[in-house]
Amino acid sequence: MTSSFHQRGRSRLGPVTLLTAGLALAACSALPGSGPRTVDIEHGDGSYTLIDLNAVNVRSVAAVATAPKPELPPGRVNGLIGAGDLLKIALWEPNPAGTSLTADKAGIDIAARVGIDGTIGVPYVGRVHAAGRTPAQMERDIQGRLASVSPGAQVAVLVTEDLTNDVIVQGDVGRPGRYPVVPGSSGVLDILAMAGGAHTSNRQGLVRITRGGHAVTRTLSQLIGDRTLEGDLAPGDRILVLPRTANYYAFGAVNRPGEQPYDADELNLSNVLARLAGLSDDRADPAAVFVYRRDAAAQTIYRLNLRDPSGFFVAQAFPVLPNDTIYVSNAPIAEAAKVFQLLIGVSNIGAMPRNMGAQY
């Protein structure tokens, strides 16, 4: 009787026990979750570099991440004449009798547009090179050439349509167009004011200045806060104002995961964790706060240990960049709780009578 009972018990519980044991072995890698475990990141496929952040190395890491922004090369000299400019040339010969180069006029006024070859035609002189010269240089040149015809001739050169010494403003401003550059007093903010100002808020407005094949980008608030970034513009510069659409991303055991707007000039990891409403108390592993960053050169994962009392100081010193991904891994105890819940569920299923209609 007893032997028969034990045999029946083993026949019923044996498969359940084996299933439970198998699930326990596989549960660690098969559990549902929002991202990799810490051990998976530590033993990755070699496609990225894992760097532990601490009070010693965070400054050097931050210096690499926030390398100095590129600067523009020297610009063109302001005040020079260029191809396409419209000039007014005045010639006259003052004398006590009131005579001039012509018998019926007080002088000669001509309008001439600088050709693609950089020259204009001047009466009594011929072709004169204009591009790359100042109006004063042209006046001296023309006057010297007229000396053999009229030693007392006077010359005035005036730029009436200046296409060379303008900057072009485009994008999200009140009045896009061409604006003249005044040496020593035409900075980016001055030109933007002439163009009616930017429509976007300071921190969400980007200003991109292009000079030849080089470009630099600043936020409006950076230009306002540090006028040394503004600098003088140069003829031919192009200014593009556009809304900033940068984001960073949060996953894992944080209280506010998802896409987050990067709406400040700079954010550090402490700022970001505060915006995410901190770590999840019942799931997060404070020693496993990861920042994923990819650039043209490499893929890097930075790990911060917030169990270290100095961890929050490290977080304040570490910059988060646009497009970074913040991921907080689950704590081992949270993973164990998942396994425990899974095993309880399986055990309950195994304890159900095989014959649902059995008497008990």
Protein backbone atom coordinates (compact mmCIF):
# COMPACT_ATOMS: atom_id res chain seq x y z
CA MET A 1 0.00 0.00 0.00
CA THR A 2 2.72 2.43 1.00
CA SER A 3 4.91 1.37 -1.89
CA SER A 4 2.06 1.88 -4.33
CA PHE A 5 1.39 5.35 -2.92
CA HIS A 6 5.05 6.43 -3.32
CA GLN A 7 5.15 5.11 -6.85
CA ARG A 8 2.06 7.09 -7.76
CA GLY A 9 3.55 10.23 -6.13
CA ARG A 10 6.79 9.87 -8.04
CA SER A 11 4.96 9.32 -11.30
CA ARG A 12 2.96 12.51 -10.80
CA LEU A 13 5.59 14.87 -9.34
CA GLY A 14 8.62 13.70 -11.26
CA PRO A 15 7.89 15.52 -14.55
CA VAL A 16 6.90 18.70 -12.71
CA THR A 17 10.10 18.65 -10.71
CA LEU A 18 12.18 18.13 -13.85
CA LEU A 19 10.35 20.95 -15.67
CA THR A 20 10.81 23.29 -12.73
CA ALA A 21 14.50 22.54 -12.55
CA GLY A 22 14.93 23.08 -16.28
CA LEU A 23 13.12 26.38 -16.16
CA ALA A 24 15.26 27.52 -13.24
CA LEU A 25 18.38 26.85 -15.26
CA ALA A 26 17.13 28.67 -18.33
CA ALA A 27 15.26 31.48 -16.59
CA CYS A 28 18.22 33.81 -16.15
CA SER A 29 18.72 34.24 -19.88
CA ALA A 30 15.09 33.86 -20.93
CA LEU A 31 13.42 36.31 -18.55
CA PRO A 32 11.55 39.23 -20.09
CA GLY A 33 13.27 42.58 -19.69
CA SER A 34 13.92 45.97 -21.26
CA GLY A 35 17.59 45.45 -22.12
CA PRO A 36 20.77 43.48 -21.48
CA ARG A 37 21.91 42.36 -18.06
CA THR A 38 25.08 43.80 -16.59
CA VAL A 39 26.90 40.53 -17.17
CA ASP A 40 25.89 40.60 -20.84
CA ILE A 41 27.34 44.09 -21.25
CA GLU A 42 30.54 43.09 -19.47
CA HIS A 43 31.03 40.12 -21.81
CA GLY A 44 29.96 41.73 -25.07
CA ASP A 45 30.95 40.91 -28.62
CA GLY A 46 33.84 43.37 -28.76
CA SER A 47 32.06 45.91 -30.95
CA TYR A 48 32.18 48.54 -28.18
CA THR A 49 34.41 49.72 -25.36
CA LEU A 50 33.15 49.60 -21.77
CA ILE A 51 34.54 52.40 -19.56
CA ASP A 52 33.86 52.62 -15.83
CA LEU A 53 33.38 56.19 -14.68
CA ASN A 54 34.93 57.31 -11.40
CA ALA A 55 36.20 60.45 -9.72
CA VAL A 56 39.66 59.92 -11.19
CA ASN A 57 38.88 59.50 -14.89
CA VAL A 58 35.63 61.42 -15.35
CA ARG A 59 37.39 64.72 -16.08
CA SER A 60 39.51 63.27 -18.86
CA VAL A 61 36.55 61.35 -20.29
CA ALA A 62 34.45 64.50 -20.23
CA ALA A 63 37.21 66.48 -21.94
CA VAL A 64 37.20 64.03 -24.84
CA ALA A 65 33.42 64.04 -25.08
CA THR A 66 33.24 67.84 -25.10
CA ALA A 67 36.16 68.61 -27.36
CA PRO A 68 36.54 72.28 -28.36
CA LYS A 69 34.07 73.28 -31.01
CA PRO A 70 35.56 74.03 -34.42
CA GLU A 71 36.22 77.63 -35.32
CA LEU A 72 35.89 79.34 -38.67
CA PRO A 73 38.98 80.10 -40.74
CA PRO A 74 39.83 83.75 -41.45
CA GLY A 75 37.25 85.35 -43.71
CA ARG A 76 37.54 87.58 -46.73
CA VAL A 77 38.72 91.14 -46.22
CA ASN A 78 35.82 93.51 -45.93
CA GLY A 79 35.40 96.58 -48.13
CA LEU A 80 36.77 95.11 -51.37
CA ILE A 81 34.98 95.25 -54.71
CA GLY A 82 33.92 91.99 -56.31
CA ALA A 83 32.37 90.59 -59.47
CA GLY A 84 28.72 91.62 -59.80
CA ASP A 85 29.03 94.83 -57.80
CA LEU A 86 27.54 97.95 -59.38
CA LEU A 87 29.85 101.00 -59.37
CA LYS A 88 29.30 104.66 -60.05
CA ILE A 89 32.37 106.39 -61.56
CA ALA A 90 32.46 110.21 -61.56
CA LEU A 91 35.09 112.06 -63.65
CA TRP A 92 35.54 115.82 -63.67
CA GLU A 93 38.20 118.47 -64.14
CA PRO A 94 37.63 121.48 -61.88
CA ASN A 95 39.27 124.80 -62.88
CA PRO A 96 38.53 128.51 -62.41
CA ALA A 97 36.87 128.79 -65.82
CA GLY A 98 34.43 126.01 -64.98
CA THR A 99 35.45 123.84 -67.92
CA SER A 100 35.72 120.10 -67.58
CA LEU A 101 36.55 117.01 -69.62
CA THR A 102 33.50 117.72 -71.72
CA ALA A 103 32.33 121.03 -73.03
CA ASP A 104 28.65 120.58 -72.18
CA LYS A 105 28.76 118.92 -68.75
CA ALA A 106 30.31 119.51 -65.43
CA GLY A 107 31.77 116.02 -65.62
CA ILE A 108 31.08 112.42 -66.58
CA ASP A 109 29.06 109.97 -64.50
CA ILE A 110 28.97 106.33 -65.52
CA ALA A 111 27.42 103.24 -63.97
CA ALA A 112 29.31 100.02 -64.53
CA ARG A 113 28.81 96.52 -63.16
CA VAL A 114 31.98 94.58 -62.46
CA GLY A 115 32.22 91.75 -64.92
CA ILE A 116 32.98 88.13 -64.22
CA ASP A 117 36.58 88.86 -65.20
CA GLY A 118 36.71 91.49 -62.43
CA THR A 119 37.03 94.55 -64.71
CA ILE A 120 34.97 97.55 -65.80
CA GLY A 121 35.24 99.96 -68.74
CA VAL A 122 36.08 103.62 -68.03
CA PRO A 123 35.93 106.39 -70.69
CA TYR A 124 39.33 107.73 -71.79
CA VAL A 125 40.97 104.85 -69.86
CA GLY A 126 39.70 101.50 -71.09
CA ARG A 127 39.37 98.36 -68.98
CA VAL A 128 40.27 98.77 -65.32
CA HIS A 129 40.63 95.92 -62.88
CA ALA A 130 38.18 96.32 -59.99
CA ALA A 131 37.74 92.97 -58.19
CA GLY A 132 39.76 92.65 -54.99
CA ARG A 133 40.46 96.38 -54.78
CA THR A 134 39.01 99.18 -52.67
CA PRO A 135 37.24 102.20 -54.22
CA ALA A 136 40.17 104.40 -53.13
CA GLN A 137 42.64 102.15 -54.96
CA MET A 138 40.54 102.37 -58.11
CA GLU A 139 40.35 106.15 -57.86
CA ARG A 140 44.14 106.44 -57.73
CA ASP A 141 44.56 104.03 -60.64
CA ILE A 142 42.08 105.80 -62.91
CA GLN A 143 43.42 109.22 -61.99
CA GLY A 144 46.94 108.10 -62.84
CA ARG A 145 45.84 106.81 -66.24
CA LEU A 146 44.06 110.09 -66.99
CA ALA A 147 47.11 112.16 -66.20
CA SER A 148 48.34 112.15 -69.80
CA VAL A 149 44.93 113.33 -71.07
CA SER A 150 43.94 115.67 -68.27
CA PRO A 151 46.51 116.29 -65.54
CA GLY A 152 43.92 117.86 -63.21
CA ALA A 153 41.25 115.21 -63.61
CA GLN A 154 39.42 114.14 -60.45
CA VAL A 155 37.89 110.67 -59.92
CA ALA A 156 35.33 109.31 -57.46
CA VAL A 157 34.32 105.65 -57.23
CA LEU A 158 31.18 104.70 -55.30
CA VAL A 159 29.75 101.20 -54.79
CA THR A 160 26.00 101.57 -55.30
CA GLU A 161 25.07 97.88 -55.22
CA ASP A 162 27.34 95.80 -53.01
CA LEU A 163 27.01 92.06 -53.55
CA THR A 164 30.47 91.22 -52.28
CA ASN A 165 30.41 92.56 -48.72
CA ASP A 166 27.05 91.14 -47.70
CA VAL A 167 26.13 88.12 -45.62
CA ILE A 168 23.12 85.97 -46.42
CA VAL A 169 20.64 85.15 -43.65
CA GLN A 170 18.29 82.22 -44.17
CA GLY A 171 15.99 79.98 -42.19
CA ASP A 172 13.79 80.68 -39.18
CA VAL A 173 14.11 84.48 -39.03
CA GLY A 174 11.71 87.36 -39.60
CA ARG A 175 13.28 88.76 -42.77
CA PRO A 176 15.69 86.46 -44.64
CA GLY A 177 17.94 88.17 -47.16
CA ARG A 178 21.25 89.94 -47.76
CA TYR A 179 22.67 92.25 -45.12
CA PRO A 180 25.80 94.45 -45.26
CA VAL A 181 28.79 93.74 -43.06
CA VAL A 182 30.20 96.76 -41.25
CA PRO A 183 33.80 96.13 -40.14
CA GLY A 184 34.15 96.00 -36.37
CA SER A 185 30.43 96.18 -35.62
CA SER A 186 28.67 93.41 -37.52
CA GLY A 187 28.46 90.34 -35.33
CA VAL A 188 26.00 87.49 -35.65
CA LEU A 189 23.53 88.95 -33.15
CA ASP A 190 23.62 92.33 -34.91
CA ILE A 191 22.82 90.74 -38.26
CA LEU A 192 20.08 88.56 -36.75
CA ALA A 193 18.51 91.67 -35.23
CA MET A 194 18.51 93.32 -38.68
CA ALA A 195 16.87 90.17 -40.05
CA GLY A 196 13.99 90.41 -37.60
CA GLY A 197 15.32 87.95 -35.02
CA ALA A 198 14.92 84.20 -34.70
CA HIS A 199 11.50 82.66 -34.21
CA THR A 200 12.69 79.87 -31.91
CA SER A 201 13.58 80.14 -28.23
CA ASN A 202 17.21 80.70 -27.32
CA ARG A 203 18.09 77.17 -26.31
CA GLN A 204 16.10 75.56 -29.09
CA GLY A 205 17.45 77.79 -31.87
CA LEU A 206 20.62 76.83 -33.68
CA VAL A 207 22.74 79.28 -35.66
CA ARG A 208 24.98 77.73 -38.33
CA ILE A 209 27.62 79.97 -39.92
CA THR A 210 29.18 78.71 -43.13
CA ARG A 211 32.35 80.20 -44.56
CA GLY A 212 33.63 78.53 -47.68
CA GLY A 213 33.76 74.81 -46.95
CA HIS A 214 33.69 75.22 -43.16
CA ALA A 215 30.73 75.57 -40.80
CA VAL A 216 30.22 76.07 -37.07
CA THR A 217 27.01 75.76 -35.11
CA ARG A 218 26.01 77.46 -31.85
CA THR A 219 22.77 77.81 -29.96
CA LEU A 220 21.35 81.30 -29.62
CA SER A 221 21.86 81.21 -25.86
CA GLN A 222 25.55 80.39 -26.34
CA LEU A 223 25.94 83.43 -28.57
CA ILE A 224 24.12 85.62 -26.08
CA GLY A 225 25.95 84.28 -23.03
CA ASP A 226 29.46 84.47 -24.46
CA ARG A 227 29.99 87.20 -27.02
CA THR A 228 33.50 85.92 -27.71
CA LEU A 229 31.83 83.09 -29.64
CA GLU A 230 30.14 85.60 -31.89
CA GLY A 231 33.10 87.25 -33.57
CA ASP A 232 32.94 89.50 -36.59
CA LEU A 233 31.33 88.18 -39.71
CA ALA A 234 33.11 88.24 -43.04
CA PRO A 235 31.79 89.00 -46.53
CA GLY A 236 30.16 85.99 -48.12
CA ASP A 237 29.27 84.26 -44.85
CA ARG A 238 25.97 82.41 -44.78
CA ILE A 239 23.89 82.32 -41.61
CA LEU A 240 21.24 79.64 -41.25
CA VAL A 241 18.86 79.71 -38.27
CA LEU A 242 16.97 76.48 -37.65
CA PRO A 243 15.02 74.86 -34.81
CA ARG A 244 16.93 72.44 -32.67
CA THR A 245 15.47 68.94 -32.66
CA ALA A 246 18.02 67.05 -30.55
CA ASN A 247 16.96 64.26 -28.17
CA TYR A 248 18.40 61.68 -25.83
CA TYR A 249 16.83 58.33 -24.94
CA ALA A 250 16.17 56.42 -21.73
CA PHE A 251 15.45 52.72 -21.20
CA GLY A 252 15.46 50.18 -18.43
CA ALA A 253 14.84 50.67 -14.73
CA VAL A 254 14.11 54.40 -14.71
CA ASN A 255 10.85 56.02 -13.73
CA ARG A 256 10.35 57.94 -16.96
CA PRO A 257 11.74 56.01 -19.94
CA GLY A 258 11.42 57.14 -23.54
CA GLU A 259 12.57 59.88 -25.91
CA GLN A 260 13.52 63.07 -24.08
CA PRO A 261 14.15 66.54 -25.58
CA TYR A 262 17.68 67.90 -25.30
CA ASP A 263 16.50 71.41 -24.50
CA ALA A 264 19.57 72.91 -22.84
CA ASP A 265 22.99 74.03 -24.00
CA GLU A 266 24.55 71.28 -21.89
CA LEU A 267 23.24 68.41 -19.77
CA ASN A 268 25.16 66.24 -17.35
CA LEU A 269 24.19 62.77 -16.19
CA SER A 270 22.86 64.12 -12.90
CA ASN A 271 20.53 66.49 -14.81
CA VAL A 272 19.32 63.65 -17.00
CA LEU A 273 18.62 61.22 -14.15
CA ALA A 274 16.64 63.94 -12.38
CA ARG A 275 14.59 64.54 -15.55
CA LEU A 276 13.90 60.79 -15.68
CA ALA A 277 12.53 61.01 -12.11
CA GLY A 278 15.39 58.87 -10.87
CA LEU A 279 15.90 55.12 -10.79
CA SER A 280 13.12 52.64 -10.14
CA ASP A 281 13.39 51.66 -6.47
CA ASP A 282 12.05 48.13 -6.94
CA ARG A 283 14.00 47.21 -10.08
CA ALA A 284 17.15 49.28 -10.65
CA ASP A 285 20.70 48.29 -9.92
CA PRO A 286 22.36 51.57 -8.87
CA ALA A 287 25.74 50.11 -9.78
CA ALA A 288 24.63 49.58 -13.39
CA VAL A 289 23.82 52.97 -14.91
CA PHE A 290 25.02 52.91 -18.52
CA VAL A 291 25.41 55.63 -21.15
CA TYR A 292 25.59 54.38 -24.74
CA ARG A 293 27.37 56.70 -27.16
CA ARG A 294 28.19 56.24 -30.82
CA ASP A 295 30.19 58.60 -33.00
CA ALA A 296 32.07 58.34 -36.26
CA ALA A 297 35.13 56.88 -34.54
CA ALA A 298 33.82 54.34 -32.03
CA GLN A 299 31.00 52.87 -29.98
CA THR A 300 31.41 53.33 -26.24
CA ILE A 301 29.42 52.36 -23.16
CA TYR A 302 30.12 54.31 -19.96
CA ARG A 303 29.16 52.72 -16.63
CA LEU A 304 28.41 54.69 -13.48
CA ASN A 305 28.20 53.10 -10.02
CA LEU A 306 25.74 55.07 -7.90
CA ARG A 307 26.35 52.77 -4.93
CA ASP A 308 29.66 54.58 -4.61
CA PRO A 309 29.11 57.61 -2.34
CA SER A 310 30.97 59.78 -4.86
CA GLY A 311 28.83 58.53 -7.75
CA PHE A 312 26.60 61.60 -7.88
CA PHE A 313 29.61 63.89 -8.05
CA VAL A 314 30.82 61.81 -10.99
CA ALA A 315 27.36 62.11 -12.58
CA GLN A 316 27.52 65.90 -12.29
CA ALA A 317 30.87 65.96 -14.09
CA PHE A 318 29.90 63.62 -16.94
CA PRO A 319 28.26 65.35 -19.95
CA VAL A 320 25.35 63.72 -21.74
CA LEU A 321 25.32 64.54 -25.45
CA PRO A 322 22.44 64.63 -27.94
CA ASN A 323 21.52 61.12 -29.18
CA ASP A 324 23.03 59.41 -26.12
CA THR A 325 21.08 56.47 -24.70
CA ILE A 326 20.72 56.07 -20.93
CA TYR A 327 20.08 52.51 -19.76
CA VAL A 328 19.75 51.23 -16.18
CA SER A 329 19.97 47.48 -15.71
CA ASN A 330 17.77 45.49 -13.33
CA ALA A 331 19.19 44.54 -9.95
CA PRO A 332 20.05 40.84 -9.46
CA ILE A 333 17.37 40.56 -6.76
CA ALA A 334 14.78 41.82 -9.24
CA GLU A 335 15.86 39.13 -11.70
CA ALA A 336 15.65 36.53 -8.93
CA ALA A 337 12.13 37.70 -8.07
CA LYS A 338 11.10 37.16 -11.67
CA VAL A 339 12.47 33.60 -11.58
CA PHE A 340 10.70 32.95 -8.30
CA GLN A 341 7.38 34.15 -9.68
CA LEU A 342 7.86 32.03 -12.78
CA LEU A 343 8.57 28.90 -10.73
CA ILE A 344 5.56 29.48 -8.50
CA GLY A 345 3.39 29.71 -11.58
CA VAL A 346 4.79 26.49 -13.01
CA SER A 347 4.41 24.70 -9.67
CA ASN A 348 0.78 25.77 -9.45
CA ILE A 349 0.17 24.43 -12.93
CA GLY A 350 1.88 21.15 -12.00
CA ALA A 351 -0.23 20.78 -8.88
CA MET A 352 -3.48 20.83 -10.82
CA PRO A 353 -5.18 17.41 -11.13
CA ARG A 354 -4.51 15.67 -14.40
CA ASN A 355 -8.18 14.86 -14.73
CA MET A 356 -10.03 18.11 -14.32
CA GLY A 357 -13.15 16.11 -13.39
CA ALA A 358 -11.41 14.11 -10.66
CA GLN A 359 -13.03 13.93 -7.23
CA TYR A 360 -11.04 15.68 -4.49
